Amino acid sequence: VNGIGGPLVIANDPGLIRHVLVDNARNYKMATVRQMILRPILRDGLLTAEGEVWKRSRKAMAPVFTPRHIFGFAQPMLKRTLEFVARY
């Protein structure tokens, strides 16, 4: 897919996601335009960092992405989604 600043890789298969983000991360660089837009706002975080900085950020956030925590996201997200849909 063409994205802002170049091709955009979209993966929804766990094996492909692991291939891109873990096994071959060096082959998939973030677009410069995306870096220019997001880094001043988000600094070096999960959405903007690469390499060792990304690994440290991901490790720090890992406890929030356990099944128990993600399950807790469902009801608030559903509530907000239904409120949004009701307005339109």
C-alpha atoms as a PDB file:
ATOM      1  CA  VAL A   1       0.000   0.000   0.000  1.00  0.00           C
ATOM      2  CA  ASN A   2       1.249   3.512  -0.703  1.00  0.00           C
ATOM      3  CA  GLY A   3       1.533   5.574   2.456  1.00  0.00           C
ATOM      4  CA  ILE A   4       2.805   9.017   3.317  1.00  0.00           C
ATOM      5  CA  GLY A   5       6.445   9.076   2.274  1.00  0.00           C
ATOM      6  CA  GLY A   6       6.568   5.654   0.635  1.00  0.00           C
ATOM      7  CA  PRO A   7       5.261   2.101   0.757  1.00  0.00           C
ATOM      8  CA  LEU A   8       3.358   0.981   3.828  1.00  0.00           C
ATOM      9  CA  VAL A   9       3.433  -2.611   5.089  1.00  0.00           C
ATOM     10  CA  ILE A  10       0.162  -3.839   6.579  1.00  0.00           C
ATOM     11  CA  ALA A  11       0.161  -7.226   8.301  1.00  0.00           C
ATOM     12  CA  ASN A  12      -2.639  -8.888  10.259  1.00  0.00           C
ATOM     13  CA  ASP A  13      -1.226 -12.401  10.526  1.00  0.00           C
ATOM     14  CA  PRO A  14       0.750 -13.135  13.724  1.00  0.00           C
ATOM     15  CA  GLY A  15       3.496 -14.893  11.753  1.00  0.00           C
ATOM     16  CA  LEU A  16       3.900 -11.964   9.362  1.00  0.00           C
ATOM     17  CA  ILE A  17       3.870  -9.473  12.232  1.00  0.00           C
ATOM     18  CA  ARG A  18       6.628 -11.423  13.965  1.00  0.00           C
ATOM     19  CA  HIS A  19       8.580 -11.548  10.693  1.00  0.00           C
ATOM     20  CA  VAL A  20       8.380  -7.763  10.251  1.00  0.00           C
ATOM     21  CA  LEU A  21       8.739  -6.594  13.861  1.00  0.00           C
ATOM     22  CA  VAL A  22      10.997  -9.256  15.387  1.00  0.00           C
ATOM     23  CA  ASP A  23      12.827 -11.546  12.988  1.00  0.00           C
ATOM     24  CA  ASN A  24      13.575  -9.045  10.195  1.00  0.00           C
ATOM     25  CA  ALA A  25      13.019  -5.621  11.757  1.00  0.00           C
ATOM     26  CA  ARG A  26      16.223  -4.278  10.185  1.00  0.00           C
ATOM     27  CA  ASN A  27      14.677  -4.742   6.730  1.00  0.00           C
ATOM     28  CA  TYR A  28      11.634  -2.577   7.509  1.00  0.00           C
ATOM     29  CA  LYS A  29      12.462   1.054   8.247  1.00  0.00           C
ATOM     30  CA  MET A  30       9.974   3.719   9.249  1.00  0.00           C
ATOM     31  CA  ALA A  31       9.276   6.357   6.599  1.00  0.00           C
ATOM     32  CA  THR A  32      11.226   9.588   7.055  1.00  0.00           C
ATOM     33  CA  VAL A  33       8.046  11.645   6.650  1.00  0.00           C
ATOM     34  CA  ARG A  34       6.367   9.702   9.448  1.00  0.00           C
ATOM     35  CA  GLN A  35       9.408  10.288  11.643  1.00  0.00           C
ATOM     36  CA  MET A  36       9.355  14.019  10.893  1.00  0.00           C
ATOM     37  CA  ILE A  37       5.664  14.295  11.786  1.00  0.00           C
ATOM     38  CA  LEU A  38       5.447  12.010  14.822  1.00  0.00           C
ATOM     39  CA  ARG A  39       8.812  12.310  16.565  1.00  0.00           C
ATOM     40  CA  PRO A  40       8.376  15.964  17.699  1.00  0.00           C
ATOM     41  CA  ILE A  41       5.062  14.971  19.302  1.00  0.00           C
ATOM     42  CA  LEU A  42       5.736  11.443  20.573  1.00  0.00           C
ATOM     43  CA  ARG A  43       9.537  11.539  20.953  1.00  0.00           C
ATOM     44  CA  ASP A  44      11.197   8.105  20.907  1.00  0.00           C
ATOM     45  CA  GLY A  45       8.374   5.712  21.736  1.00  0.00           C
ATOM     46  CA  LEU A  46       6.761   2.612  20.284  1.00  0.00           C
ATOM     47  CA  LEU A  47       5.402   4.450  17.250  1.00  0.00           C
ATOM     48  CA  THR A  48       8.576   6.328  16.350  1.00  0.00           C
ATOM     49  CA  ALA A  49      11.619   4.467  17.680  1.00  0.00           C
ATOM     50  CA  GLU A  50      13.608   1.742  15.985  1.00  0.00           C
ATOM     51  CA  GLY A  51      16.311  -0.684  17.055  1.00  0.00           C
ATOM     52  CA  GLU A  52      17.439  -0.723  20.680  1.00  0.00           C
ATOM     53  CA  VAL A  53      15.332   2.297  21.665  1.00  0.00           C
ATOM     54  CA  TRP A  54      12.222   0.522  20.348  1.00  0.00           C
ATOM     55  CA  LYS A  55      13.168  -2.672  22.213  1.00  0.00           C
ATOM     56  CA  ARG A  56      13.460  -0.800  25.510  1.00  0.00           C
ATOM     57  CA  SER A  57      10.130   0.975  24.934  1.00  0.00           C
ATOM     58  CA  ARG A  58       8.401  -2.270  23.967  1.00  0.00           C
ATOM     59  CA  LYS A  59       9.780  -4.086  27.011  1.00  0.00           C
ATOM     60  CA  ALA A  60       8.533  -1.302  29.291  1.00  0.00           C
ATOM     61  CA  MET A  61       5.038  -1.490  27.752  1.00  0.00           C
ATOM     62  CA  ALA A  62       4.809  -5.313  27.626  1.00  0.00           C
ATOM     63  CA  PRO A  63       2.890  -5.686  30.929  1.00  0.00           C
ATOM     64  CA  VAL A  64       0.047  -3.557  29.544  1.00  0.00           C
ATOM     65  CA  PHE A  65      -0.364  -5.857  26.536  1.00  0.00           C
ATOM     66  CA  THR A  66      -1.082  -9.071  28.444  1.00  0.00           C
ATOM     67  CA  PRO A  67      -4.405 -10.816  27.684  1.00  0.00           C
ATOM     68  CA  ARG A  68      -5.771  -9.754  31.090  1.00  0.00           C
ATOM     69  CA  HIS A  69      -5.138  -6.076  30.381  1.00  0.00           C
ATOM     70  CA  ILE A  70      -6.320  -6.209  26.776  1.00  0.00           C
ATOM     71  CA  PHE A  71      -9.573  -7.881  27.887  1.00  0.00           C
ATOM     72  CA  GLY A  72     -10.155  -4.865  30.132  1.00  0.00           C
ATOM     73  CA  PHE A  73      -9.921  -2.523  27.125  1.00  0.00           C
ATOM     74  CA  ALA A  74     -12.929  -4.076  25.373  1.00  0.00           C
ATOM     75  CA  GLN A  75     -15.831  -2.588  27.358  1.00  0.00           C
ATOM     76  CA  PRO A  76     -14.556   1.033  27.414  1.00  0.00           C
ATOM     77  CA  MET A  77     -13.732   0.842  23.694  1.00  0.00           C
ATOM     78  CA  LEU A  78     -17.153  -0.608  22.870  1.00  0.00           C
ATOM     79  CA  LYS A  79     -18.885   2.066  24.939  1.00  0.00           C
ATOM     80  CA  ARG A  80     -17.029   4.912  23.211  1.00  0.00           C
ATOM     81  CA  THR A  81     -17.591   3.355  19.788  1.00  0.00           C
ATOM     82  CA  LEU A  82     -21.343   3.073  20.362  1.00  0.00           C
ATOM     83  CA  GLU A  83     -21.460   6.686  21.607  1.00  0.00           C
ATOM     84  CA  PHE A  84     -19.609   7.827  18.491  1.00  0.00           C
ATOM     85  CA  VAL A  85     -21.875   5.836  16.151  1.00  0.00           C
ATOM     86  CA  ALA A  86     -24.989   7.184  17.884  1.00  0.00           C
ATOM     87  CA  ARG A  87     -23.891  10.754  17.113  1.00  0.00           C
ATOM     88  CA  TYR A  88     -23.673  10.007  13.409  1.00  0.00           C
END
